[in-house]
Protein backbone atom coordinates (compact mmCIF):
# COMPACT_ATOMS: atom_id res chain seq x y z
CA MET A 1 91.16 70.67 108.37
CA ASN A 2 88.71 73.04 106.68
CA ASP A 3 87.39 73.63 103.17
CA ASP A 4 90.27 76.01 102.41
CA ASP A 5 92.72 73.07 102.64
CA PHE A 6 91.28 71.46 99.50
CA LYS A 7 91.69 72.49 95.91
CA ILE A 8 88.97 71.09 93.68
CA GLU A 9 89.63 70.90 89.98
CA GLU A 10 87.02 69.81 87.47
CA SER A 11 88.00 66.78 85.40
CA SER A 12 88.50 67.07 81.68
CA GLY A 13 86.72 63.72 81.32
CA ASN A 14 90.02 61.92 80.75
CA VAL A 15 91.78 60.96 83.97
CA PHE A 16 94.98 60.18 82.04
CA ALA A 17 95.08 63.72 80.62
CA ASP A 18 94.27 65.15 84.05
CA LEU A 19 97.30 63.30 85.42
CA GLY A 20 99.47 64.63 82.58
CA LEU A 21 100.26 61.17 81.21
CA PRO A 22 101.47 60.80 77.62
CA ASP A 23 99.07 59.33 75.03
CA ALA A 24 96.11 60.12 77.30
CA GLU A 25 93.54 59.67 74.53
CA GLU A 26 94.84 56.22 73.60
CA ARG A 27 95.06 55.18 77.25
CA LEU A 28 91.43 56.16 77.85
CA THR A 29 90.26 54.34 74.71
CA LYS A 30 92.09 51.18 75.74
CA ALA A 31 90.72 51.39 79.29
CA ASP A 32 87.17 51.78 77.95
CA LEU A 33 87.63 48.80 75.62
CA ALA A 34 89.04 46.72 78.49
CA MET A 35 85.96 47.56 80.57
CA GLN A 36 83.75 46.30 77.75
CA ILE A 37 85.83 43.11 77.52
CA ALA A 38 85.45 42.55 81.25
CA ALA A 39 81.69 43.10 80.99
CA ALA A 40 81.43 40.59 78.14
CA ILE A 41 83.42 38.03 80.14
CA ARG A 42 81.21 38.55 83.20
CA GLY A 43 78.09 38.33 81.06
CA ARG A 44 79.18 34.97 79.69
CA ARG A 45 80.48 33.79 83.07
CA LEU A 46 83.76 32.62 81.59
CA THR A 47 86.80 31.59 83.58
CA GLN A 48 90.13 33.22 82.78
CA ALA A 49 91.31 29.88 81.36
CA LYS A 50 88.34 29.75 78.97
CA VAL A 51 88.86 33.38 78.02
CA ALA A 52 92.54 32.68 77.31
CA ALA A 53 91.64 29.79 74.99
CA LEU A 54 88.97 31.86 73.23
CA LEU A 55 91.25 34.88 72.72
CA GLY A 56 94.35 32.87 71.85
CA ILE A 57 96.44 34.28 74.69
CA ASP A 58 97.69 32.79 77.95
CA GLN A 59 95.87 33.14 81.27
CA PRO A 60 98.39 35.57 82.82
CA LYS A 61 97.69 37.97 79.93
CA VAL A 62 93.95 37.67 80.59
CA SER A 63 94.64 38.52 84.22
CA ARG A 64 96.72 41.56 83.21
CA LEU A 65 94.00 42.70 80.84
CA LEU A 66 91.30 42.43 83.50
CA ARG A 67 93.45 44.35 85.99
CA GLY A 68 93.87 47.20 83.51
CA GLN A 69 97.52 46.56 82.69
CA LEU A 70 97.12 47.35 79.02
CA SER A 71 100.60 48.31 77.82
CA GLY A 72 100.99 45.05 75.85
CA PHE A 73 97.65 45.38 74.06
CA SER A 74 96.93 47.59 71.05
CA THR A 75 93.55 49.19 70.51
CA GLU A 76 93.12 47.02 67.43
CA ARG A 77 93.80 43.86 69.43
CA LEU A 78 91.31 44.85 72.15
CA ILE A 79 88.66 45.42 69.48
CA HIS A 80 89.45 41.97 68.05
CA PHE A 81 89.03 40.46 71.53
CA LEU A 82 85.57 42.03 71.76
CA THR A 83 84.53 40.40 68.49
CA LEU A 84 85.86 37.04 69.69
CA LEU A 85 83.69 37.50 72.78
CA GLY A 86 80.60 37.89 70.61
CA GLN A 87 80.41 41.67 70.62
CA ASP A 88 79.76 43.85 67.59
CA VAL A 89 82.06 46.86 67.36
CA THR A 90 80.92 49.85 65.32
CA ILE A 91 83.27 52.70 64.49
CA VAL A 92 81.55 55.98 63.68
CA VAL A 93 83.48 58.95 62.33
CA THR A 94 82.03 62.45 62.79
CA PRO A 95 83.42 65.97 62.45
CA ALA A 96 85.17 67.26 65.58
CA ALA A 97 83.21 69.57 67.85
CA ARG A 98 84.05 73.25 67.42
CA ARG A 99 85.43 73.49 70.96
CA SER A 100 88.12 70.90 70.10
CA ARG A 101 90.30 73.43 68.23
CA GLY A 102 90.26 71.26 65.12
CA LEU A 103 91.41 68.12 66.91
CA GLY A 104 89.20 65.05 67.07
CA HIS A 105 88.99 62.50 69.84
CA VAL A 106 88.11 58.83 70.28
CA SER A 107 85.43 57.56 72.64
CA VAL A 108 83.98 54.16 73.43
CA VAL A 109 80.24 54.09 73.96
CA ALA A 110 78.52 50.92 75.11
CA GLU A 111 75.01 50.31 73.92
CA ALA A 112 72.52 49.76 76.73
CA ARG A 113 71.73 46.10 77.22
CA ALA A 114 68.13 44.95 77.24
C-alpha cells in the first residue's frame, strides 16, 4: 500500500455533515452538549443512578446519553440537564460570517475551567 491508495479530504468541522447525515447541525450541537453533560458528571463524580435522580430520568436513559445515543433528547432538554448539573448556559446570537452564504450555525463552546 502506498500514499496513492489514500484519499484525504479535509473536514468541514462537522463530522455529521461530512458523513452526509440529515440534520447535521443539530446532531453536532446535541453531541457537544452531551460532552459537556458528561464532563459535568465526571467533575461531580456522580453515579448514573444519582444522575438519573437529579435529571428526573431513568438510569438506562443516562447510559444512552453518555454513550451518545441522543435521538430521544432535544437540544432544549440537554440544556436543561446542564443547568440541573450546576452549569450556566449562555446563548449568544451574532450575525453569520460572510462565508456562510447567509446561513447561520450553532456551536457549543465550553469555558475553560480554572
